[in-house]
């Protein structure tokens, strides 16, 4: 079963069961993924850390890939709500700073590092992580930018698909390399201000 197949299978299954046990299993799976990567991911290690029998784990997640997909879903547990209406700059900074803060030294940051290094060995991995981890954050940013275009605060010829990686990419980079001296003074505000110089309407236009 591929990761994409597992995602579909998991979405179709309604398994009434003890959510506490599911939470323990997927939390353990995330920890193992972050520490060992996808290539060395061990279901046995997950069961041991979660304190459950392998039979219990397999009843819930019959395939290794199903467990990985369910674990990745947990990365959206702390997905922030859309910021309240207001100036585009402040709303963008709020979202981006949240992404940076939640990436630095976190399970998400370590997991993304593994994705970068292992995507060639795990077909569909990059697409799956993008869909489950990055896409929800892209949607938050897209909504703020669309509001800015509608209000006239931003230019109406913005290439949205090209803009979103320019916004979220630096935050993931800064989060994953938060201990480097060269990144310590870079802020979400400086990233947003730099981009807004090219996104805002020129005076009199």
N, C-alpha and C. Protein backbone atom coordinates (compact mmCIF):
# COMPACT_ATOMS: atom_id res chain seq x y z
N UNK A 1 0.84 -1.19 0.00
CA UNK A 1 0.00 0.00 0.00
C UNK A 1 0.88 1.25 0.00
N UNK A 2 0.61 2.18 -0.93
CA UNK A 2 1.38 3.41 -0.97
C UNK A 2 0.84 4.38 0.07
N UNK A 3 1.59 5.46 0.30
CA UNK A 3 1.13 6.47 1.25
C UNK A 3 -0.16 7.11 0.78
N UNK A 4 -0.30 7.33 -0.51
CA UNK A 4 -1.53 7.93 -1.03
C UNK A 4 -2.71 7.00 -0.81
N UNK A 5 -2.52 5.68 -1.06
CA UNK A 5 -3.59 4.71 -0.84
C UNK A 5 -3.99 4.68 0.63
N UNK A 6 -2.99 4.77 1.51
CA UNK A 6 -3.26 4.73 2.94
C UNK A 6 -4.07 5.94 3.38
N UNK A 7 -3.78 7.10 2.77
CA UNK A 7 -4.53 8.30 3.10
C UNK A 7 -6.00 8.14 2.75
N UNK A 8 -6.27 7.56 1.57
CA UNK A 8 -7.64 7.33 1.14
C UNK A 8 -8.32 6.30 2.03
N UNK A 9 -7.60 5.22 2.35
CA UNK A 9 -8.17 4.17 3.18
C UNK A 9 -8.53 4.69 4.56
N UNK A 10 -7.63 5.49 5.13
CA UNK A 10 -7.88 6.03 6.45
C UNK A 10 -9.07 6.97 6.46
N UNK A 11 -9.24 7.73 5.38
CA UNK A 11 -10.36 8.67 5.30
C UNK A 11 -11.69 7.94 5.19
N UNK A 12 -11.68 6.74 4.60
CA UNK A 12 -12.92 6.02 4.39
C UNK A 12 -13.34 5.20 5.60
N UNK A 13 -12.41 4.91 6.50
CA UNK A 13 -12.73 4.03 7.60
C UNK A 13 -13.27 4.84 8.78
N UNK A 14 -14.41 4.38 9.31
CA UNK A 14 -14.90 4.97 10.53
C UNK A 14 -14.73 3.94 11.63
N UNK A 15 -13.74 4.14 12.49
CA UNK A 15 -13.42 3.13 13.50
C UNK A 15 -13.80 3.67 14.88
N UNK A 16 -15.00 3.36 15.37
CA UNK A 16 -15.36 3.79 16.72
C UNK A 16 -14.46 3.07 17.73
N UNK A 17 -13.62 3.79 18.44
CA UNK A 17 -12.67 3.15 19.33
C UNK A 17 -12.18 4.16 20.36
N UNK A 18 -11.32 3.72 21.23
CA UNK A 18 -10.79 4.54 22.30
C UNK A 18 -9.84 5.58 21.71
N UNK A 19 -10.24 6.84 21.69
CA UNK A 19 -9.42 7.89 21.09
C UNK A 19 -8.14 8.11 21.89
N UNK A 20 -8.16 7.80 23.18
CA UNK A 20 -6.96 7.98 23.99
C UNK A 20 -5.85 7.08 23.49
N UNK A 21 -6.20 5.83 23.16
CA UNK A 21 -5.18 4.90 22.66
C UNK A 21 -4.67 5.35 21.30
N UNK A 22 -5.58 5.81 20.44
CA UNK A 22 -5.16 6.34 19.13
C UNK A 22 -4.19 7.50 19.32
N UNK A 23 -4.49 8.36 20.28
CA UNK A 23 -3.64 9.51 20.54
C UNK A 23 -2.25 9.07 20.98
N UNK A 24 -2.18 8.08 21.87
CA UNK A 24 -0.89 7.58 22.34
C UNK A 24 -0.10 6.96 21.19
N UNK A 25 -0.78 6.21 20.34
CA UNK A 25 -0.10 5.55 19.23
C UNK A 25 0.43 6.56 18.22
N UNK A 26 -0.41 7.51 17.83
CA UNK A 26 0.03 8.47 16.81
C UNK A 26 1.09 9.43 17.36
N UNK A 27 1.01 9.74 18.66
CA UNK A 27 2.05 10.58 19.26
C UNK A 27 3.39 9.84 19.24
N UNK A 28 3.36 8.57 19.59
CA UNK A 28 4.58 7.77 19.55
C UNK A 28 5.10 7.63 18.13
N UNK A 29 4.19 7.47 17.17
CA UNK A 29 4.60 7.35 15.77
C UNK A 29 5.28 8.62 15.28
N UNK A 30 4.76 9.77 15.67
CA UNK A 30 5.39 11.03 15.28
C UNK A 30 6.80 11.14 15.85
N UNK A 31 6.95 10.74 17.11
CA UNK A 31 8.27 10.81 17.74
C UNK A 31 9.26 9.90 17.02
N UNK A 32 8.82 8.70 16.66
CA UNK A 32 9.71 7.76 15.96
C UNK A 32 10.05 8.30 14.57
N UNK A 33 9.07 8.86 13.88
CA UNK A 33 9.33 9.44 12.57
C UNK A 33 10.36 10.56 12.65
N UNK A 34 10.20 11.43 13.65
CA UNK A 34 11.10 12.57 13.79
C UNK A 34 12.52 12.14 14.14
N UNK A 35 12.64 11.06 14.92
CA UNK A 35 13.96 10.61 15.37
C UNK A 35 14.65 9.70 14.35
N UNK A 36 13.86 8.83 13.71
CA UNK A 36 14.47 7.79 12.88
C UNK A 36 14.21 7.97 11.39
N UNK A 37 13.29 8.85 11.03
CA UNK A 37 12.98 9.04 9.63
C UNK A 37 12.01 8.00 9.10
N UNK A 38 11.57 8.19 7.87
CA UNK A 38 10.58 7.30 7.27
C UNK A 38 11.21 5.97 6.88
N UNK A 39 12.45 6.00 6.45
CA UNK A 39 13.08 4.79 5.97
C UNK A 39 13.28 3.77 7.08
N UNK A 40 13.57 4.24 8.30
CA UNK A 40 13.83 3.33 9.42
C UNK A 40 12.67 3.28 10.41
N UNK A 41 11.52 3.79 10.00
CA UNK A 41 10.35 3.82 10.87
C UNK A 41 9.95 2.40 11.27
N UNK A 42 9.79 2.17 12.56
CA UNK A 42 9.52 0.84 13.08
C UNK A 42 8.18 0.82 13.81
N UNK A 43 7.27 -0.02 13.34
CA UNK A 43 5.98 -0.19 14.00
C UNK A 43 6.18 -0.78 15.39
N UNK A 44 7.12 -1.69 15.53
CA UNK A 44 7.39 -2.29 16.84
C UNK A 44 7.84 -1.25 17.85
N UNK A 45 8.67 -0.31 17.40
CA UNK A 45 9.12 0.76 18.28
C UNK A 45 7.95 1.65 18.70
N UNK A 46 7.04 1.91 17.77
CA UNK A 46 5.86 2.72 18.09
C UNK A 46 5.02 2.03 19.16
N UNK A 47 4.76 0.75 18.99
CA UNK A 47 3.96 0.01 19.96
C UNK A 47 4.60 0.05 21.34
N UNK A 48 5.91 -0.12 21.38
CA UNK A 48 6.62 -0.10 22.66
C UNK A 48 6.50 1.26 23.34
N UNK A 49 6.70 2.32 22.59
CA UNK A 49 6.63 3.66 23.17
C UNK A 49 5.22 4.03 23.61
N UNK A 50 4.23 3.55 22.83
CA UNK A 50 2.84 3.86 23.17
C UNK A 50 2.33 3.00 24.31
N UNK A 51 3.07 1.95 24.65
CA UNK A 51 2.66 1.06 25.73
C UNK A 51 1.47 0.19 25.37
N UNK A 52 1.40 -0.22 24.10
CA UNK A 52 0.31 -1.08 23.65
C UNK A 52 0.88 -2.32 22.97
N UNK A 53 0.09 -3.36 22.92
CA UNK A 53 0.51 -4.56 22.20
C UNK A 53 0.48 -4.30 20.70
N UNK A 54 1.34 -5.01 19.97
CA UNK A 54 1.34 -4.84 18.52
C UNK A 54 -0.01 -5.20 17.92
N UNK A 55 -0.68 -6.18 18.52
CA UNK A 55 -1.99 -6.57 18.01
C UNK A 55 -2.99 -5.42 18.14
N UNK A 56 -2.89 -4.66 19.22
CA UNK A 56 -3.76 -3.49 19.40
C UNK A 56 -3.47 -2.45 18.33
N UNK A 57 -2.20 -2.21 18.07
CA UNK A 57 -1.82 -1.23 17.06
C UNK A 57 -2.31 -1.67 15.68
N UNK A 58 -2.09 -2.93 15.35
CA UNK A 58 -2.47 -3.39 14.00
C UNK A 58 -3.97 -3.44 13.80
N UNK A 59 -4.75 -3.60 14.88
CA UNK A 59 -6.20 -3.54 14.72
C UNK A 59 -6.64 -2.15 14.28
N UNK A 60 -5.92 -1.15 14.73
CA UNK A 60 -6.26 0.22 14.38
C UNK A 60 -5.63 0.65 13.06
N UNK A 61 -4.39 0.22 12.85
CA UNK A 61 -3.63 0.63 11.66
C UNK A 61 -3.01 -0.63 11.04
N UNK A 62 -3.77 -1.33 10.20
CA UNK A 62 -3.30 -2.61 9.65
C UNK A 62 -2.03 -2.51 8.82
N UNK A 63 -1.77 -1.35 8.24
CA UNK A 63 -0.59 -1.18 7.39
C UNK A 63 0.31 -0.08 7.96
N UNK A 64 1.58 -0.25 7.78
CA UNK A 64 2.58 0.74 8.23
C UNK A 64 2.27 2.12 7.68
N UNK A 65 1.86 2.15 6.40
CA UNK A 65 1.59 3.43 5.76
C UNK A 65 0.36 4.12 6.36
N UNK A 66 -0.63 3.33 6.79
CA UNK A 66 -1.80 3.93 7.44
C UNK A 66 -1.40 4.61 8.74
N UNK A 67 -0.50 3.98 9.48
CA UNK A 67 -0.02 4.58 10.72
C UNK A 67 0.73 5.87 10.45
N UNK A 68 1.55 5.90 9.41
CA UNK A 68 2.30 7.11 9.07
C UNK A 68 1.34 8.25 8.72
N UNK A 69 0.32 7.94 7.92
CA UNK A 69 -0.65 8.97 7.53
C UNK A 69 -1.37 9.52 8.77
N UNK A 70 -1.80 8.63 9.66
CA UNK A 70 -2.49 9.07 10.87
C UNK A 70 -1.58 9.92 11.75
N UNK A 71 -0.30 9.57 11.80
CA UNK A 71 0.65 10.35 12.59
C UNK A 71 0.82 11.75 12.00
N UNK A 72 0.91 11.83 10.68
CA UNK A 72 1.07 13.13 10.03
C UNK A 72 -0.12 14.04 10.31
N UNK A 73 -1.31 13.45 10.43
CA UNK A 73 -2.50 14.26 10.72
C UNK A 73 -2.34 15.00 12.05
N UNK A 74 -1.59 14.43 12.98
CA UNK A 74 -1.41 15.04 14.30
C UNK A 74 -0.64 16.36 14.22
N UNK A 75 0.08 16.58 13.13
CA UNK A 75 0.84 17.82 13.00
C UNK A 75 -0.06 19.03 12.84
N UNK A 76 -1.34 18.80 12.63
CA UNK A 76 -2.27 19.92 12.53
C UNK A 76 -3.04 20.15 13.83
N UNK A 77 -2.65 19.46 14.90
CA UNK A 77 -3.33 19.65 16.17
C UNK A 77 -3.25 21.10 16.64
N UNK A 78 -2.12 21.76 16.35
CA UNK A 78 -1.94 23.14 16.81
C UNK A 78 -2.07 24.15 15.68
N UNK A 79 -2.78 23.77 14.63
CA UNK A 79 -2.99 24.71 13.52
C UNK A 79 -3.80 25.90 14.03
N UNK A 80 -3.26 27.11 13.95
CA UNK A 80 -3.98 28.27 14.50
C UNK A 80 -5.16 28.65 13.63
N UNK A 81 -6.16 29.31 14.21
CA UNK A 81 -7.27 29.81 13.39
C UNK A 81 -6.81 31.00 12.56
N UNK A 82 -7.62 31.34 11.59
CA UNK A 82 -7.31 32.52 10.78
C UNK A 82 -7.32 33.76 11.67
N UNK A 83 -6.35 34.66 11.52
CA UNK A 83 -6.33 35.86 12.35
C UNK A 83 -7.54 36.74 12.06
N UNK A 84 -7.95 37.55 13.02
CA UNK A 84 -9.13 38.40 12.82
C UNK A 84 -8.87 39.44 11.73
N UNK A 85 -9.93 39.99 11.16
CA UNK A 85 -9.77 41.01 10.12
C UNK A 85 -8.89 42.16 10.59
N UNK A 86 -8.15 42.73 9.64
CA UNK A 86 -7.26 43.84 9.96
C UNK A 86 -6.28 44.05 8.84
N UNK A 87 -5.29 44.93 9.06
CA UNK A 87 -4.28 45.17 8.02
C UNK A 87 -3.56 43.89 7.64
N UNK A 88 -3.25 43.76 6.36
CA UNK A 88 -2.62 42.54 5.84
C UNK A 88 -1.30 42.26 6.54
N UNK A 89 -0.49 43.28 6.75
CA UNK A 89 0.83 43.07 7.33
C UNK A 89 0.75 42.34 8.67
N UNK A 90 -0.08 42.83 9.56
CA UNK A 90 -0.18 42.21 10.88
C UNK A 90 -0.71 40.79 10.83
N UNK A 91 -1.64 40.53 9.93
CA UNK A 91 -2.21 39.18 9.82
C UNK A 91 -1.18 38.21 9.27
N UNK A 92 -0.42 38.65 8.27
CA UNK A 92 0.62 37.78 7.72
C UNK A 92 1.70 37.49 8.76
N UNK A 93 2.12 38.51 9.47
CA UNK A 93 3.15 38.31 10.49
C UNK A 93 2.68 37.32 11.54
N UNK A 94 1.43 37.41 11.97
CA UNK A 94 0.89 36.50 12.99
C UNK A 94 0.96 35.05 12.52
N UNK A 95 0.53 34.79 11.28
CA UNK A 95 0.54 33.42 10.76
C UNK A 95 1.97 32.92 10.60
N UNK A 96 2.82 33.74 10.00
CA UNK A 96 4.19 33.31 9.73
C UNK A 96 4.99 33.10 11.01
N UNK A 97 4.81 33.98 11.98
CA UNK A 97 5.53 33.80 13.24
C UNK A 97 5.08 32.53 13.94
N UNK A 98 3.80 32.19 13.81
CA UNK A 98 3.31 30.94 14.38
C UNK A 98 3.95 29.73 13.72
N UNK A 99 4.11 29.79 12.40
CA UNK A 99 4.75 28.69 11.68
C UNK A 99 6.21 28.56 12.12
N UNK A 100 6.89 29.68 12.21
CA UNK A 100 8.30 29.63 12.62
C UNK A 100 8.43 29.10 14.04
N UNK A 101 7.62 29.61 14.94
CA UNK A 101 7.73 29.22 16.36
C UNK A 101 7.42 27.74 16.55
N UNK A 102 6.44 27.24 15.80
CA UNK A 102 6.05 25.85 15.97
C UNK A 102 6.99 24.88 15.24
N UNK A 103 7.85 25.42 14.37
CA UNK A 103 8.80 24.57 13.65
C UNK A 103 10.11 24.44 14.40
N UNK A 104 10.54 25.50 15.05
CA UNK A 104 11.86 25.53 15.69
C UNK A 104 11.98 24.43 16.75
N UNK A 105 12.94 23.53 16.56
CA UNK A 105 13.23 22.49 17.53
C UNK A 105 12.09 21.53 17.79
N UNK A 106 11.12 21.48 16.88
CA UNK A 106 9.91 20.69 17.12
C UNK A 106 9.93 19.39 16.33
N UNK A 107 8.96 18.55 16.65
CA UNK A 107 8.77 17.32 15.87
C UNK A 107 8.55 17.66 14.40
N UNK A 108 7.77 18.71 14.14
CA UNK A 108 7.50 19.09 12.75
C UNK A 108 8.79 19.45 12.03
N UNK A 109 9.65 20.24 12.69
CA UNK A 109 10.91 20.63 12.07
C UNK A 109 11.80 19.45 11.76
N UNK A 110 11.92 18.52 12.71
CA UNK A 110 12.76 17.33 12.48
C UNK A 110 12.17 16.46 11.40
N UNK A 111 10.85 16.38 11.37
CA UNK A 111 10.18 15.57 10.35
C UNK A 111 10.41 16.14 8.96
N UNK A 112 10.33 17.45 8.82
CA UNK A 112 10.55 18.08 7.52
C UNK A 112 11.98 17.87 7.05
N UNK A 113 12.92 17.85 7.96
CA UNK A 113 14.30 17.57 7.59
C UNK A 113 14.42 16.15 7.01
N UNK A 114 13.71 15.20 7.61
CA UNK A 114 13.73 13.83 7.08
C UNK A 114 13.07 13.77 5.70
N UNK A 115 12.00 14.53 5.52
CA UNK A 115 11.33 14.54 4.22
C UNK A 115 12.28 15.02 3.14
N UNK A 116 13.03 16.09 3.45
CA UNK A 116 13.99 16.62 2.48
C UNK A 116 15.01 15.57 2.10
N UNK A 117 15.47 14.79 3.08
CA UNK A 117 16.53 13.83 2.81
C UNK A 117 16.06 12.50 2.24
N UNK A 118 14.76 12.16 2.43
CA UNK A 118 14.32 10.82 2.08
C UNK A 118 13.26 10.77 1.00
N UNK A 119 12.92 11.91 0.40
CA UNK A 119 11.78 11.88 -0.52
C UNK A 119 12.02 10.97 -1.72
N UNK A 120 13.26 10.82 -2.14
CA UNK A 120 13.52 9.97 -3.30
C UNK A 120 13.30 8.51 -2.99
N UNK A 121 13.42 8.12 -1.71
CA UNK A 121 13.27 6.71 -1.35
C UNK A 121 11.83 6.34 -0.97
N UNK A 122 10.99 7.33 -0.77
CA UNK A 122 9.62 7.06 -0.33
C UNK A 122 8.65 7.74 -1.29
N UNK A 123 8.20 7.01 -2.33
CA UNK A 123 7.31 7.61 -3.32
C UNK A 123 6.07 8.21 -2.67
N UNK A 124 5.74 9.40 -3.09
CA UNK A 124 4.54 10.05 -2.58
C UNK A 124 4.70 10.77 -1.27
N UNK A 125 5.87 10.66 -0.64
CA UNK A 125 6.07 11.25 0.68
C UNK A 125 5.95 12.76 0.65
N UNK A 126 6.62 13.39 -0.30
CA UNK A 126 6.60 14.85 -0.37
C UNK A 126 5.18 15.36 -0.60
N UNK A 127 4.46 14.72 -1.53
CA UNK A 127 3.09 15.15 -1.80
C UNK A 127 2.21 15.00 -0.57
N UNK A 128 2.39 13.89 0.16
CA UNK A 128 1.57 13.65 1.33
C UNK A 128 1.85 14.67 2.43
N UNK A 129 3.12 14.94 2.71
CA UNK A 129 3.46 15.92 3.73
C UNK A 129 2.98 17.30 3.33
N UNK A 130 3.09 17.61 2.03
CA UNK A 130 2.57 18.90 1.57
C UNK A 130 1.08 19.00 1.81
N UNK A 131 0.35 17.93 1.46
CA UNK A 131 -1.11 17.94 1.62
C UNK A 131 -1.53 18.04 3.07
N UNK A 132 -0.86 17.27 3.95
CA UNK A 132 -1.31 17.17 5.34
C UNK A 132 -0.71 18.24 6.26
N UNK A 133 0.48 18.74 5.94
CA UNK A 133 1.17 19.66 6.84
C UNK A 133 1.21 21.09 6.28
N UNK A 134 1.62 21.24 5.03
CA UNK A 134 1.82 22.58 4.49
C UNK A 134 0.55 23.19 3.90
N UNK A 135 -0.27 22.39 3.25
CA UNK A 135 -1.46 22.94 2.57
C UNK A 135 -2.41 23.68 3.52
N UNK A 136 -2.68 23.17 4.74
CA UNK A 136 -3.56 23.94 5.64
C UNK A 136 -3.01 25.32 5.96
N UNK A 137 -1.68 25.43 6.06
CA UNK A 137 -1.07 26.73 6.34
C UNK A 137 -1.08 27.62 5.10
N UNK A 138 -0.95 27.00 3.94
CA UNK A 138 -1.09 27.75 2.69
C UNK A 138 -2.49 28.37 2.60
N UNK A 139 -3.50 27.61 3.01
CA UNK A 139 -4.87 28.12 2.91
C UNK A 139 -5.08 29.34 3.81
N UNK A 140 -4.48 29.31 5.00
CA UNK A 140 -4.58 30.48 5.89
C UNK A 140 -3.98 31.72 5.21
N UNK A 141 -2.79 31.56 4.65
CA UNK A 141 -2.12 32.68 4.00
C UNK A 141 -2.88 33.15 2.77
N UNK A 142 -3.36 32.19 1.99
CA UNK A 142 -4.11 32.54 0.77
C UNK A 142 -5.32 33.40 1.12
N UNK A 143 -6.01 33.06 2.20
CA UNK A 143 -7.18 33.83 2.59
C UNK A 143 -6.83 35.26 2.96
N UNK A 144 -5.73 35.45 3.69
CA UNK A 144 -5.31 36.80 4.08
C UNK A 144 -4.92 37.61 2.85
N UNK A 145 -4.15 37.02 1.94
CA UNK A 145 -3.74 37.73 0.73
C UNK A 145 -4.96 38.07 -0.13
N UNK A 146 -5.89 37.14 -0.26
CA UNK A 146 -7.10 37.40 -1.05
C UNK A 146 -7.89 38.56 -0.45
N UNK A 147 -7.97 38.62 0.88
CA UNK A 147 -8.66 39.75 1.53
C UNK A 147 -7.96 41.06 1.20
N UNK A 148 -6.61 41.02 1.19
CA UNK A 148 -5.87 42.24 0.89
C UNK A 148 -6.07 42.71 -0.54
N UNK A 149 -6.18 41.76 -1.46
CA UNK A 149 -6.45 42.12 -2.85
C UNK A 149 -7.86 42.70 -2.97
N UNK A 150 -8.83 42.06 -2.30
CA UNK A 150 -10.22 42.52 -2.39
C UNK A 150 -10.38 43.92 -1.81
N UNK A 151 -9.63 44.23 -0.76
CA UNK A 151 -9.75 45.55 -0.12
C UNK A 151 -8.96 46.63 -0.85
N UNK A 152 -8.11 46.24 -1.81
CA UNK A 152 -7.27 47.19 -2.52
C UNK A 152 -5.95 47.46 -1.84
N UNK A 153 -5.69 46.80 -0.70
CA UNK A 153 -4.43 47.01 0.01
C UNK A 153 -3.27 46.38 -0.76
N UNK A 154 -3.54 45.30 -1.48
CA UNK A 154 -2.52 44.63 -2.27
C UNK A 154 -2.86 44.72 -3.75
N UNK A 155 -1.86 44.55 -4.58
CA UNK A 155 -2.05 44.56 -6.02
C UNK A 155 -2.99 43.43 -6.44
N UNK A 156 -3.69 43.66 -7.54
CA UNK A 156 -4.64 42.65 -7.99
C UNK A 156 -4.05 41.71 -9.03
N UNK A 157 -2.75 41.85 -9.33
CA UNK A 157 -2.13 40.96 -10.31
C UNK A 157 -1.13 40.00 -9.64
N UNK A 158 -1.34 39.73 -8.35
CA UNK A 158 -0.42 38.86 -7.61
C UNK A 158 -0.56 37.42 -8.10
N UNK A 159 0.56 36.77 -8.32
CA UNK A 159 0.59 35.35 -8.64
C UNK A 159 0.52 34.59 -7.33
N UNK A 160 -0.68 34.16 -6.94
CA UNK A 160 -0.87 33.54 -5.63
C UNK A 160 -0.05 32.27 -5.47
N UNK A 161 -0.01 31.45 -6.50
CA UNK A 161 0.73 30.19 -6.41
C UNK A 161 2.23 30.44 -6.25
N UNK A 162 2.72 31.51 -6.83
CA UNK A 162 4.13 31.84 -6.67
C UNK A 162 4.42 32.52 -5.35
N UNK A 163 3.44 33.24 -4.82
CA UNK A 163 3.66 34.00 -3.59
C UNK A 163 3.72 33.11 -2.34
N UNK A 164 2.84 32.12 -2.25
CA UNK A 164 2.74 31.34 -1.02
C UNK A 164 4.07 30.67 -0.62
N UNK A 165 4.80 30.05 -1.56
CA UNK A 165 6.10 29.50 -1.16
C UNK A 165 7.08 30.56 -0.67
N UNK A 166 6.96 31.79 -1.23
CA UNK A 166 7.84 32.87 -0.80
C UNK A 166 7.54 33.30 0.64
N UNK A 167 6.31 33.11 1.08
CA UNK A 167 5.93 33.46 2.44
C UNK A 167 6.27 32.34 3.44
N UNK A 168 5.86 31.14 3.12
CA UNK A 168 6.00 30.06 4.08
C UNK A 168 7.40 29.45 4.09
N UNK A 169 8.07 29.47 2.93
CA UNK A 169 9.40 28.86 2.85
C UNK A 169 10.41 29.43 3.84
N UNK A 170 10.53 30.77 3.92
CA UNK A 170 11.49 31.32 4.88
C UNK A 170 11.19 30.94 6.32
N UNK A 171 9.92 30.81 6.68
CA UNK A 171 9.59 30.47 8.07
C UNK A 171 10.00 29.04 8.40
N UNK A 172 9.82 28.12 7.45
CA UNK A 172 10.27 26.75 7.68
C UNK A 172 11.79 26.71 7.78
N UNK A 173 12.44 27.45 6.92
CA UNK A 173 13.91 27.50 6.94
C UNK A 173 14.40 28.07 8.26
N UNK A 174 13.85 29.21 8.65
CA UNK A 174 14.29 29.84 9.89
C UNK A 174 13.96 28.98 11.10
N UNK A 175 12.82 28.29 11.05
CA UNK A 175 12.46 27.41 12.16
C UNK A 175 13.39 26.23 12.30
N UNK A 176 13.74 25.62 11.16
CA UNK A 176 14.60 24.44 11.20
C UNK A 176 16.04 24.79 11.53
N UNK A 177 16.45 26.04 11.24
CA UNK A 177 17.83 26.46 11.49
C UNK A 177 17.87 27.57 12.53
N UNK A 178 17.00 27.45 13.52
CA UNK A 178 16.85 28.52 14.51
C UNK A 178 18.09 28.74 15.36
N UNK A 179 18.98 27.75 15.46
CA UNK A 179 20.16 27.89 16.29
C UNK A 179 21.34 28.52 15.58
N UNK A 180 21.20 28.75 14.28
CA UNK A 180 22.30 29.35 13.52
C UNK A 180 22.36 30.86 13.78
N UNK A 181 23.57 31.36 13.99
CA UNK A 181 23.73 32.78 14.28
C UNK A 181 23.21 33.65 13.15
N UNK A 182 23.34 33.18 11.91
CA UNK A 182 22.95 34.00 10.76
C UNK A 182 21.44 34.18 10.64
N UNK A 183 20.64 33.37 11.35
CA UNK A 183 19.18 33.48 11.25
C UNK A 183 18.54 34.11 12.48
N UNK A 184 19.30 34.34 13.51
CA UNK A 184 18.69 34.79 14.78
C UNK A 184 18.04 36.15 14.68
N UNK A 185 18.57 37.02 13.84
CA UNK A 185 18.04 38.38 13.75
C UNK A 185 17.02 38.55 12.64
N UNK A 186 16.72 37.47 11.91
CA UNK A 186 15.71 37.54 10.85
C UNK A 186 14.35 37.29 11.48
N UNK A 187 13.41 38.16 11.23
CA UNK A 187 12.09 38.05 11.84
C UNK A 187 11.01 37.89 10.78
N UNK A 188 9.84 37.46 11.23
CA UNK A 188 8.69 37.38 10.32
C UNK A 188 8.36 38.77 9.79
N UNK A 189 8.52 39.79 10.64
CA UNK A 189 8.24 41.15 10.21
C UNK A 189 9.14 41.57 9.05
N UNK A 190 10.42 41.23 9.13
CA UNK A 190 11.34 41.63 8.06
C UNK A 190 11.03 40.92 6.76
N UNK A 191 10.63 39.64 6.85
CA UNK A 191 10.24 38.90 5.65
C UNK A 191 9.01 39.52 5.02
N UNK A 192 7.99 39.77 5.83
CA UNK A 192 6.74 40.34 5.32
C UNK A 192 6.98 41.72 4.73
N UNK A 193 7.74 42.56 5.42
CA UNK A 193 7.99 43.92 4.92
C UNK A 193 8.72 43.89 3.58
N UNK A 194 9.68 42.99 3.45
CA UNK A 194 10.42 42.89 2.18
C UNK A 194 9.49 42.52 1.04
N UNK A 195 8.62 41.54 1.28
CA UNK A 195 7.70 41.11 0.23
C UNK A 195 6.63 42.16 -0.06
N UNK A 196 6.16 42.84 0.98
CA UNK A 196 5.09 43.81 0.77
C UNK A 196 5.54 44.99 -0.10
N UNK A 197 6.81 45.26 -0.12
CA UNK A 197 7.28 46.35 -0.98
C UNK A 197 6.95 46.07 -2.45
N UNK A 198 6.89 44.80 -2.79
CA UNK A 198 6.55 44.46 -4.17
C UNK A 198 5.11 44.10 -4.37
N UNK A 199 4.36 43.94 -3.26
CA UNK A 199 2.97 43.50 -3.37
C UNK A 199 1.96 44.64 -3.23
N UNK A 200 2.35 45.70 -2.54
CA UNK A 200 1.40 46.77 -2.30
C UNK A 200 1.28 47.67 -3.53
N UNK A 201 0.18 48.36 -3.60
CA UNK A 201 -0.05 49.26 -4.71
C UNK A 201 0.86 50.49 -4.59
N UNK A 202 1.41 50.91 -5.71
CA UNK A 202 2.20 52.13 -5.69
C UNK A 202 1.28 53.33 -5.50
N UNK A 203 1.76 54.38 -4.85
CA UNK A 203 0.96 55.57 -4.63
C UNK A 203 0.45 56.13 -5.95
N UNK A 204 -0.84 56.38 -5.98
CA UNK A 204 -1.43 56.96 -7.17
C UNK A 204 -1.81 55.97 -8.24
N UNK A 205 -1.57 54.63 -8.00
CA UNK A 205 -1.94 53.65 -9.02
C UNK A 205 -3.38 53.22 -8.86
